Protein backbone atom coordinates (compact mmCIF):
# COMPACT_ATOMS: atom_id res chain seq x y z
CA MET A 1 105.95 222.34 84.50
CA GLN A 2 105.24 218.75 85.55
CA THR A 3 101.70 219.72 86.34
CA LEU A 4 101.35 221.08 82.85
CA LYS A 5 102.64 217.84 81.31
CA ARG A 6 100.15 215.77 83.24
CA ARG A 7 97.39 217.96 82.06
CA LEU A 8 98.51 217.82 78.41
CA ALA A 9 98.94 213.92 78.43
CA PRO A 10 95.99 211.97 76.98
CA ALA A 11 93.79 210.46 79.67
CA LYS A 12 93.63 206.59 79.98
CA ARG A 13 90.32 205.14 78.97
CA ARG A 14 88.53 203.03 81.62
CA PRO A 15 86.93 199.76 80.41
CA SER A 16 83.24 199.69 80.14
CA ALA A 17 81.01 197.94 82.72
CA ALA A 18 80.19 195.10 80.28
CA LYS A 19 83.86 194.27 79.77
CA ARG A 20 84.45 194.27 83.51
CA ARG A 21 81.64 191.71 83.98
CA ARG A 22 83.12 189.41 81.32
CA ARG A 23 86.53 189.44 83.03
CA VAL A 24 85.17 188.61 86.49
CA SER A 25 82.89 185.69 85.46
CA ARG A 26 84.20 181.99 85.36
CA PRO A 27 82.97 179.12 83.21
CA LYS A 28 80.43 176.97 85.10
CA ILE A 29 81.09 173.18 85.67
CA SER A 30 77.92 171.14 85.46
CA GLY A 31 77.06 168.21 87.82
CA ARG A 32 77.20 165.78 84.92
CA ARG A 33 80.85 166.66 84.25
CA LEU A 34 81.71 166.13 87.92
CA LEU A 35 80.10 162.65 87.85
CA ILE A 36 82.04 161.63 84.71
CA ALA A 37 85.30 162.76 86.28
CA ALA A 38 84.66 160.77 89.47
CA VAL A 39 83.88 157.56 87.53
CA ALA A 40 87.05 157.98 85.45
CA ALA A 41 89.17 158.33 88.60
CA PHE A 42 87.61 155.19 90.16
CA LEU A 43 88.27 153.12 87.03
CA LEU A 44 91.85 154.36 86.88
CA ILE A 45 92.50 153.25 90.49
CA SER A 46 90.79 149.85 90.03
CA VAL A 47 92.71 149.05 86.82
CA GLY A 48 95.93 150.16 88.39
CA ARG A 49 95.41 147.84 91.37
CA SER A 50 94.07 144.70 89.67
CA VAL A 51 94.43 144.42 85.90
CA LEU A 52 97.83 146.01 85.40
CA PRO A 53 99.65 143.93 88.06
CA ALA A 54 98.06 140.78 86.65
CA LEU A 55 99.61 141.69 83.28
CA GLY A 56 103.01 142.20 84.87
CA ILE A 57 102.85 146.02 84.71
CA GLU A 58 104.08 147.78 87.82
CA THR A 59 102.07 150.80 88.94
CA PRO A 60 102.95 153.53 91.41
CA LYS A 61 101.49 153.35 94.88
CA MET A 62 97.92 154.58 95.00
CA PRO A 63 95.97 155.79 97.99
CA SER A 64 94.05 153.10 99.86
CA PHE A 65 90.53 153.44 101.06
CA GLY A 66 88.78 152.00 104.09
CA GLY A 67 91.98 151.76 106.15
CA GLY A 68 92.76 148.22 104.85
CA GLY A 69 95.49 149.07 102.34
CA ASP A 70 97.23 146.16 100.63
CA THR A 71 97.90 144.24 103.85
CA PRO A 72 96.08 140.83 103.77
CA THR A 73 93.92 139.87 106.66
CA ALA A 74 95.57 137.24 108.87
CA PRO A 75 93.80 133.86 108.79
CA VAL A 76 91.14 133.28 111.37
CA THR A 77 91.39 129.70 112.55
CA LYS A 78 89.44 127.53 114.91
CA ALA A 79 90.47 124.36 116.62
CA PRO A 80 89.68 121.27 114.53
CA LYS A 81 86.70 119.17 115.44
CA ALA A 82 87.20 116.48 118.02
CA PRO A 83 88.09 113.03 116.63
CA THR A 84 85.03 110.89 116.13
CA VAL A 85 86.23 107.57 114.69
CA ASP A 86 88.49 104.94 116.22
CA LEU A 87 90.44 103.47 113.29
CA ASN A 88 92.92 100.77 114.29
CA GLY A 89 93.34 102.37 117.70
CA VAL A 90 93.82 105.91 116.31
CA MET A 91 91.15 108.59 116.71
CA VAL A 92 90.57 110.27 113.33
CA HIS A 93 87.98 112.55 111.77
CA GLY A 94 85.08 110.88 110.11
CA GLY A 95 85.42 112.95 106.90
CA GLY A 96 84.02 116.16 105.48
CA ASP A 97 86.78 118.39 106.83
CA PRO A 98 88.64 120.69 104.43
CA MET A 99 92.06 119.55 103.26
CA VAL A 100 94.97 121.09 101.38
CA THR A 101 97.90 119.26 99.78
CA LEU A 102 101.13 120.58 98.29
CA ASN A 103 102.99 119.57 95.18
CA PRO A 104 105.89 119.35 95.62
CA GLY A 105 106.09 118.89 99.37
CA LEU A 106 109.89 119.28 99.39
CA VAL A 107 110.66 122.61 97.76
CA ARG A 108 113.63 124.81 97.06
CA LEU A 109 113.72 128.45 98.01
CA GLY A 110 112.18 130.51 95.24
CA GLY A 111 110.58 127.42 93.70
CA SER A 112 107.00 127.09 92.49
CA VAL A 113 104.41 125.18 94.54
CA THR A 114 100.83 124.15 93.79
CA ALA A 115 98.35 124.09 96.66
CA SER A 116 95.29 121.93 95.98
CA GLY A 117 92.35 122.15 98.36
CA SER A 118 89.11 120.27 98.80
CA GLY A 119 86.21 120.13 101.23
CA PHE A 120 85.44 123.86 101.15
CA ASP A 121 82.04 125.38 100.37
CA GLN A 122 81.30 125.68 96.66
CA GLY A 123 81.77 129.25 95.47
CA SER A 124 83.57 130.39 98.63
CA MET A 125 86.69 132.55 98.38
CA VAL A 126 89.70 130.85 99.93
CA ASP A 127 92.81 132.81 100.95
CA VAL A 128 96.12 130.95 101.03
CA PHE A 129 98.79 132.00 103.54
CA LEU A 130 102.41 130.92 103.95
CA GLY A 131 104.32 131.08 107.21
CA PRO A 132 106.78 129.14 109.38
CA SER A 133 105.49 126.01 111.06
CA ALA A 134 104.96 126.39 114.79
CA THR A 135 106.21 122.83 115.40
CA ALA A 136 109.30 122.96 113.17
CA ALA A 137 112.71 122.71 114.81
CA GLN A 138 114.76 125.81 113.92
CA PRO A 139 118.28 125.31 112.55
CA SER A 140 119.82 128.13 114.57
CA LYS A 141 119.02 130.77 117.17
CA GLY A 142 118.96 133.53 114.56
CA ALA A 143 116.64 131.61 112.31
CA ALA A 144 114.40 130.79 115.25
CA LYS A 145 114.19 134.47 116.17
CA ASN A 146 113.29 135.46 112.62
CA ALA A 147 110.67 132.71 112.37
CA LYS A 148 109.11 133.70 115.66
CA GLY A 149 108.75 137.30 114.60
CA SER A 150 107.44 136.59 111.13
CA LYS A 151 103.75 136.36 110.28
CA PRO A 152 101.89 134.37 107.64
CA VAL A 153 101.91 136.08 104.25
CA GLN A 154 99.05 135.79 101.79
CA VAL A 155 100.31 134.09 98.64
CA GLY A 156 97.09 133.61 96.71
CA THR A 157 93.31 133.57 96.59
CA ALA A 158 91.02 131.18 94.74
CA LYS A 159 87.35 130.50 94.37
CA ALA A 160 86.26 127.01 95.37
CA GLY A 161 84.63 125.33 92.41
CA LYS A 162 82.42 122.30 92.16
CA TYR A 163 82.83 119.89 95.08
CA GLY A 164 84.71 122.63 96.98
CA ILE A 165 87.97 122.16 95.05
CA PHE A 166 90.49 124.92 94.30
CA THR A 167 94.09 125.26 93.10
CA VAL A 168 96.58 128.04 93.82
CA ASN A 169 100.10 128.34 92.41
CA PHE A 170 102.63 130.45 94.32
CA SER A 171 106.36 130.90 94.74
CA PHE A 172 108.27 130.15 97.91
CA PRO A 173 110.32 133.00 99.40
CA THR A 174 113.98 133.23 98.50
CA LYS A 175 115.08 133.42 102.15
CA MET A 176 114.62 130.70 104.73
CA THR A 177 112.84 131.47 108.01
CA SER A 178 112.10 127.89 108.99
CA PRO A 179 113.12 124.44 107.73
CA VAL A 180 109.42 123.58 107.55
CA MET A 181 106.87 126.06 106.21
CA GLU A 182 103.14 125.89 106.84
CA VAL A 183 100.50 126.63 104.22
CA THR A 184 97.08 127.68 105.54
CA ALA A 185 93.94 127.75 103.38
CA GLN A 186 91.22 129.88 105.04
CA ALA A 187 87.69 130.36 103.67
CA ARG A 188 86.49 133.93 103.99
CA GLY A 189 83.68 134.42 106.46
CA SER A 190 83.90 130.80 107.55
CA ASP A 191 85.74 128.67 110.10
CA LYS A 192 86.77 126.19 107.41
CA VAL A 193 90.55 126.03 107.42
CA ALA A 194 93.14 123.48 106.30
CA LYS A 195 96.88 123.30 106.82
CA ALA A 196 99.79 121.50 105.18
CA GLU A 197 103.51 121.51 105.75
CA ALA A 198 106.29 121.74 103.17
CA ALA A 199 109.93 121.06 103.96
CA VAL A 200 112.44 123.47 102.50
CA ALA A 201 115.41 122.00 100.70
CA GLN A 202 118.24 124.21 101.85
CA GLY A 203 121.93 124.58 101.35
CA ALA A 204 124.13 123.06 98.67
CA GLY A 205 124.02 119.46 99.84
CA GLN A 206 124.63 116.76 97.26
CA ALA A 207 123.94 113.03 97.40
CA THR A 208 125.23 110.46 94.90
CA LEU A 209 124.41 106.74 94.61
CA SER A 210 126.61 104.08 93.03
CA ALA A 211 123.56 102.68 91.22
CA ILE A 212 120.31 104.26 90.10
CA VAL A 213 118.26 101.07 89.71
CA GLY A 214 117.52 98.30 92.21
CA LYS A 215 114.93 96.59 94.37
CA PRO A 216 114.32 96.89 98.11
CA GLY A 217 117.11 95.15 99.98
CA ASP A 218 119.79 95.73 97.34
CA VAL A 219 122.96 97.42 98.62
CA VAL A 220 124.23 100.64 97.00
CA ASN A 221 126.97 103.07 98.04
CA LEU A 222 125.98 106.58 99.15
CA THR A 223 128.29 109.60 98.92
CA VAL A 224 127.28 112.93 100.52
CA LYS A 225 128.86 116.39 100.58
CA GLY A 226 127.97 120.05 101.11
CA PHE A 227 126.58 119.79 104.67
CA SER A 228 127.69 121.41 107.90
CA PRO A 229 130.85 119.95 109.44
CA GLY A 230 130.17 117.20 111.97
CA GLU A 231 126.38 117.40 111.78
CA GLU A 232 124.03 114.43 111.95
CA LEU A 233 122.50 113.41 108.62
CA GLN A 234 119.20 111.56 108.37
CA VAL A 235 118.63 109.38 105.32
CA PHE A 236 115.13 108.65 103.98
CA TRP A 237 113.86 106.59 101.06
CA GLY A 238 111.02 108.29 99.17
CA ARG A 239 109.99 110.54 102.08
CA ILE A 240 111.28 113.25 104.41
CA ASN A 241 109.60 112.46 107.71
CA GLY A 242 109.19 109.65 110.20
CA ASP A 243 112.03 107.43 111.31
CA PRO A 244 115.08 107.66 109.05
CA THR A 245 116.34 104.59 107.23
CA LEU A 246 119.87 105.42 108.29
CA THR A 247 121.67 108.07 110.36
CA LEU A 248 125.13 109.27 109.31
CA LYS A 249 127.58 111.87 110.61
CA ALA A 250 129.32 114.35 108.33
CA ASP A 251 133.09 114.78 108.65
CA GLU A 252 134.92 118.08 109.18
CA ASP A 253 134.30 118.97 105.54
CA GLY A 254 130.55 118.27 105.77
CA SER A 255 130.91 115.10 103.70
CA VAL A 256 130.39 111.34 103.97
CA GLY A 257 132.44 108.91 101.92
CA LYS A 258 131.12 105.82 100.21
CA THR A 259 128.75 104.20 102.68
CA PRO A 260 126.81 100.98 101.95
CA ILE A 261 123.06 101.41 102.34
CA LYS A 262 120.17 99.07 101.60
CA VAL A 263 117.47 100.22 99.22
CA GLY A 264 114.50 100.93 101.44
CA VAL A 265 110.89 99.88 101.06
CA THR A 266 109.06 102.43 98.95
CA ALA A 267 106.70 102.58 95.99
CA VAL A 268 107.80 100.91 92.76
CA GLY A 269 109.02 103.37 90.14
CA THR A 270 111.02 106.58 90.28
CA THR A 271 111.74 107.76 93.80
CA SER A 272 114.46 109.62 95.67
CA LEU A 273 116.90 109.04 98.45
CA VAL A 274 116.77 112.15 100.64
CA VAL A 275 119.50 113.29 103.04
CA VAL A 276 118.60 115.98 105.61
CA GLY A 277 121.06 117.77 107.88
CA LYS A 278 119.66 117.76 111.40
CA THR A 279 121.53 120.96 112.39
CA SER A 280 121.66 123.02 109.20
CA GLY A 281 118.38 121.85 107.71
CA ALA A 282 120.19 121.41 104.39
CA ALA A 283 118.78 118.68 102.15
CA ALA A 284 119.99 116.71 99.17
CA SER A 285 118.33 114.06 97.05
CA ALA A 286 119.38 111.47 94.52
CA PRO A 287 116.97 109.87 92.03
CA PHE A 288 116.51 106.10 92.10
CA GLN A 289 114.40 103.63 90.14
CA VAL A 290 112.84 101.04 92.44
CA LEU A 291 112.17 97.68 90.80
CA ARG A 292 109.27 95.41 91.60
CA LEU A 293 109.67 92.54 94.04
CA TYR A 294 108.77 89.05 92.82
CA PRO A 295 108.24 86.90 95.93
CA SER A 296 107.80 83.14 95.74
CA ILE A 297 106.44 80.47 98.08
CA LYS A 298 107.34 76.79 98.47
CA LEU A 299 104.75 74.63 100.24
CA ALA A 300 104.79 70.98 101.29
CA PRO A 301 102.80 68.86 101.09
CA TYR A 302 100.16 70.12 98.68
CA ALA A 303 97.50 67.76 100.06
CA VAL A 304 96.79 67.11 103.74
CA LYS A 305 94.03 65.90 106.00
CA ALA A 306 92.57 67.73 108.96
CA THR A 307 94.96 67.75 111.98
CA GLN A 308 97.90 67.42 109.61
CA SER A 309 100.35 70.29 109.01
CA ILE A 310 101.72 72.03 105.96
CA THR A 311 105.06 73.86 105.97
CA PHE A 312 106.14 76.73 103.73
CA SER A 313 109.13 78.93 102.96
CA GLY A 314 109.32 82.22 101.07
CA ALA A 315 111.83 84.41 99.22
CA GLY A 316 111.86 87.70 97.36
CA PHE A 317 110.19 89.86 100.02
CA ALA A 318 111.70 93.02 101.52
CA PRO A 319 114.45 92.43 104.09
CA GLY A 320 113.36 92.58 107.72
CA GLU A 321 109.65 92.92 107.07
CA ARG A 322 106.83 90.75 108.37
CA VAL A 323 104.98 88.61 105.86
CA LEU A 324 101.29 88.39 106.71
CA VAL A 325 99.69 85.00 105.96
CA ARG A 326 95.96 84.81 105.20
CA LEU A 327 93.70 81.93 104.19
CA ASN A 328 91.52 82.33 101.08
CA SER A 329 91.68 86.16 101.30
CA ALA A 330 94.02 89.06 100.55
CA GLY A 331 92.56 91.15 103.38
CA GLY A 332 91.25 90.81 106.88
CA GLN A 333 92.90 89.31 109.92
CA PRO A 334 96.05 87.31 109.09
CA VAL A 335 96.34 83.82 110.55
CA MET A 336 100.03 84.38 111.26
CA ALA A 337 102.97 86.73 110.57
CA VAL A 338 106.43 85.49 109.58
CA PRO A 339 109.51 87.77 109.75
CA THR A 340 111.98 87.78 106.86
CA ASP A 341 115.75 87.78 107.21
CA GLY A 342 118.24 90.25 105.73
CA ALA A 343 117.74 88.72 102.30
CA GLY A 344 113.93 88.97 102.37
CA SER A 345 113.43 85.21 102.94
CA PHE A 346 111.92 82.94 105.57
CA LYS A 347 111.57 79.20 106.09
CA GLY A 348 110.26 76.61 108.52
CA ALA A 349 106.82 78.17 109.03
CA GLY A 350 103.72 76.01 109.09
CA LEU A 351 100.03 75.63 109.89
CA THR A 352 97.91 72.74 111.20
CA MET A 353 94.64 72.27 109.32
CA PRO A 354 91.33 72.23 111.25
CA TYR A 355 88.48 69.78 110.68
CA GLN A 356 86.18 72.49 109.28
CA LEU A 357 88.19 73.00 106.08
CA LYS A 358 87.26 70.88 103.11
CA GLY A 359 88.58 70.67 99.56
CA ALA A 360 90.71 73.26 97.73
CA GLN A 361 92.27 76.10 99.79
CA SER A 362 94.61 79.04 99.16
CA LEU A 363 97.27 80.73 101.28
CA VAL A 364 98.06 84.39 100.51
CA PHE A 365 101.38 85.94 101.60
CA ILE A 366 101.71 89.77 101.64
CA GLY A 367 104.73 91.79 102.78
CA GLU A 368 103.63 94.17 105.53
CA GLN A 369 105.76 97.08 104.25
CA SER A 370 106.46 96.27 100.61
CA ARG A 371 102.93 94.96 99.90
CA ALA A 372 104.57 92.38 97.65
CA ALA A 373 102.23 89.39 97.35
CA ALA A 374 102.38 85.72 96.49
CA SER A 375 99.87 82.89 96.85
CA THR A 376 99.78 79.13 96.65
CA GLY A 377 97.11 76.44 96.82
CA PHE A 378 96.64 73.14 98.57
CA THR A 379 93.89 70.57 99.18
CA ILE A 380 92.27 69.24 102.35
CA LEU A 381 91.70 65.54 101.79
CA PRO A 382 88.78 63.73 103.45
CA TYR A 383 89.29 60.88 105.89
CA MET A 384 88.29 57.53 104.30
CA PRO A 385 88.17 55.01 107.15
CA GLN A 386 87.74 51.27 106.85
CA ALA A 387 86.06 48.88 109.33
CA ARG A 388 85.13 45.23 109.77
CA THR A 389 83.62 42.98 112.43
CA ASN A 390 85.29 40.04 114.14
CA ALA A 391 83.30 37.75 111.79
CA TYR A 392 81.76 38.18 108.38
CA GLY A 393 78.52 36.56 109.52
CA GLY A 394 76.84 34.37 112.10
CA LEU A 395 73.64 33.20 113.73
CA PRO A 396 71.35 35.35 115.89
CA GLY A 397 72.93 35.73 119.32
CA THR A 398 76.43 36.17 117.94
CA VAL A 399 78.46 38.79 119.85
CA VAL A 400 80.11 41.24 117.45
CA ASN A 401 83.00 43.64 118.08
CA PHE A 402 84.77 45.98 115.67
CA TYR A 403 88.09 46.73 114.02
CA ALA A 404 88.69 50.20 112.48
CA THR A 405 91.46 52.09 110.74
CA GLN A 406 92.15 55.46 109.01
CA PHE A 407 89.85 57.52 111.20
CA ALA A 408 91.01 60.91 112.48
CA PRO A 409 93.48 60.74 115.38
CA ASN A 410 91.91 60.12 118.78
CA GLU A 411 88.34 60.75 117.65
CA ALA A 412 85.26 58.98 119.01
CA VAL A 413 83.50 56.56 116.66
CA HIS A 414 79.77 55.88 117.05
CA VAL A 415 78.32 52.60 115.74
CA TYR A 416 74.78 52.53 114.27
CA ALA A 417 72.97 49.28 113.32
CA LYS A 418 70.15 48.65 110.82
CA THR A 419 68.50 45.23 111.41
CA SER A 420 65.99 45.44 108.55
CA LYS A 421 65.75 47.05 105.17
CA GLY A 422 64.62 50.67 105.32
CA ALA A 423 65.00 50.84 109.11
CA LYS A 424 66.64 53.83 110.77
CA GLY A 425 70.08 53.24 112.22
CA GLU A 426 70.13 52.80 116.00
CA LEU A 427 73.15 53.72 118.14
CA VAL A 428 74.38 50.40 119.58
CA SER A 429 78.02 51.00 120.53
CA ALA A 430 80.92 53.51 120.59
CA PHE A 431 84.69 53.51 121.00
CA ARG A 432 87.72 55.79 120.54
CA VAL A 433 90.54 55.27 118.07
CA ASN A 434 94.18 55.94 118.94
CA LYS A 435 96.40 58.73 117.58
CA ALA A 436 96.91 56.70 114.40
CA GLY A 437 93.12 56.52 113.86
CA THR A 438 93.04 52.79 114.58
CA ALA A 439 91.05 50.52 116.96
CA ARG A 440 90.99 46.71 117.39
CA ALA A 441 88.31 44.45 118.95
CA VAL A 442 86.41 47.35 120.43
CA GLY A 443 82.71 47.85 121.12
CA GLN A 444 80.21 45.04 121.52
CA TYR A 445 76.85 44.14 120.00
CA THR A 446 74.70 40.98 120.13
CA ILE A 447 72.77 40.02 117.01
CA PRO A 448 69.03 40.04 117.95
CA GLY A 449 67.02 36.79 117.69
CA ASN A 450 64.53 38.23 115.16
CA THR A 451 67.19 39.42 112.72
CA GLU A 452 66.91 38.14 109.18
CA ASN A 453 69.43 38.14 106.37
CA SER A 454 71.89 40.84 107.56
CA VAL A 455 72.79 43.71 109.87
CA ILE A 456 74.33 46.85 108.40
CA PHE A 457 76.77 48.64 110.73
CA GLU A 458 77.66 52.27 110.08
CA LEU A 459 80.70 53.65 111.97
CA ARG A 460 80.78 57.49 112.11
CA GLY A 461 83.83 59.55 113.15
CA GLN A 462 82.64 62.42 115.37
CA LEU A 463 85.44 64.88 114.47
CA SER A 464 86.24 64.03 110.87
CA GLY A 465 82.61 63.34 109.86
CA SER A 466 83.87 60.29 107.96
CA THR A 467 81.94 57.01 107.76
CA ALA A 468 82.80 53.33 107.34
CA THR A 469 80.14 50.64 106.60
CA VAL A 470 80.17 46.91 107.45
CA ASN A 471 77.60 44.37 106.22
CA PHE A 472 77.21 41.43 108.68
CA LYS A 473 75.42 38.39 107.16
CA VAL A 474 72.94 36.68 109.50
CA ASP A 475 72.49 32.94 108.89
CA SER A 476 69.07 31.31 109.17
CA SER A 477 68.50 29.78 112.60
CA GLY A 478 65.76 27.37 111.38
CA GLY A 479 63.30 28.65 113.98
CA PRO A 480 62.68 31.16 116.70
CA VAL A 481 65.62 32.08 118.92
CA ASP A 482 64.92 33.01 122.52
CA ILE A 483 67.32 35.99 123.02
CA PRO A 484 66.36 38.85 125.34
CA THR A 485 65.82 42.19 123.63
CA PRO A 486 68.89 44.38 124.37
CA LYS A 487 68.45 47.57 126.33
CA PRO A 488 68.99 50.90 124.50
CA TYR A 489 72.66 51.86 124.39
CA VAL A 490 73.69 54.80 126.62
CA LEU A 491 76.54 56.86 125.16
CA PRO A 492 79.28 57.60 127.72
CA LYS A 493 80.19 61.29 128.13
CA ASP A 494 83.81 60.71 127.26
CA LEU A 495 82.85 59.27 123.86
CA GLU A 496 80.77 62.18 122.63
CA LYS A 497 83.59 63.63 120.53
């Protein structure tokens, strides 16, 4: 029966050969379509990695090519060039090396910093890295361990423009690994590298001053809190390195009560007092307006002669600094340095004037630390000696000696004589004045027998360069006088000066 049913059922129709070929075949993809698809994929990856993040749009992780991934290349550094210039006893580079500076240099965690570089090759790409300073003292063992294991992180890249200058803005991390962080600017494919350090302002330290305006040397009260209990606190004016202006110790609450402190020497204008915890690394600052110093000088006398002294006193400089004294110049080697007292004053200083100075002079006083300056003038007066002979006149054969006053102290005086009009003066005698510049009945000269009318004596001081003149009248003898011609005068060695 079943066999009969199968026979009676209509037979299924098989598809034709043409239909079978249409089912088996697939649409062909041309080479041009494959190329367009590849370009579209490349653009999608590039935009996702560069443009979208720059616009603040997060993109999912994409596959990296070339094995580099997103990990920045660590900076390749070389040792700096050997110092080549001796400047004031310090070996420094002669210039041309790359440099990077930070603004601000004292930053808070998470704060924004601008790195400005110079000295790189124009058009070069410069990568900027941030990492812990190798020379920074760590606040704790844990922090030291974290800093040691951490590596510099790339925080920006810039293209050096004209003159090799670039600027990169970046944010500091929100967690501290070192109290001092190091910024490294490394030119790609070059050994040009520059470093700069930035101190991290940490903790919740607070500093308050009793006054916000004053000049160096003024006393204000400092109050500090928020530091580690019992730690040493270093106080700086307008800076965060070098020797501290003052060292304090926090109490068991991490505070310091009202403590008198002198306003330090720093630039005029708005500055800060900075307190740094030596153990915790915490820092606090208080703004302060530094006023200009107005130093003054009193000098006496205002007119002196060579070998005489002037004395001077000063006020209005910074306390405890040296005041450099220069003659007729604001720079160069000072002729002396005078220390100021706790009030920024000094007195009782003086200088003895040399013979070489003539006329109007100036003394310039500059504070070595504050750079506050004052100047005053004085005059070097010439010596104006006077002289006379033991007689106003006489006959040929008269023996003449000399009296002199107001020459320079202890100088030698040379006597020149002119026996006729237009004749050249001839050295005929010499003597030395005493410490008051005076001499009496010194030297000796005999009036020649052929002298007519007068002899003019010129007395010249050999140190002061001053001159006194005496006119000796020669009376007529009525005839020839037989007087031997004097031998030429020989100047003794001890009367040369």
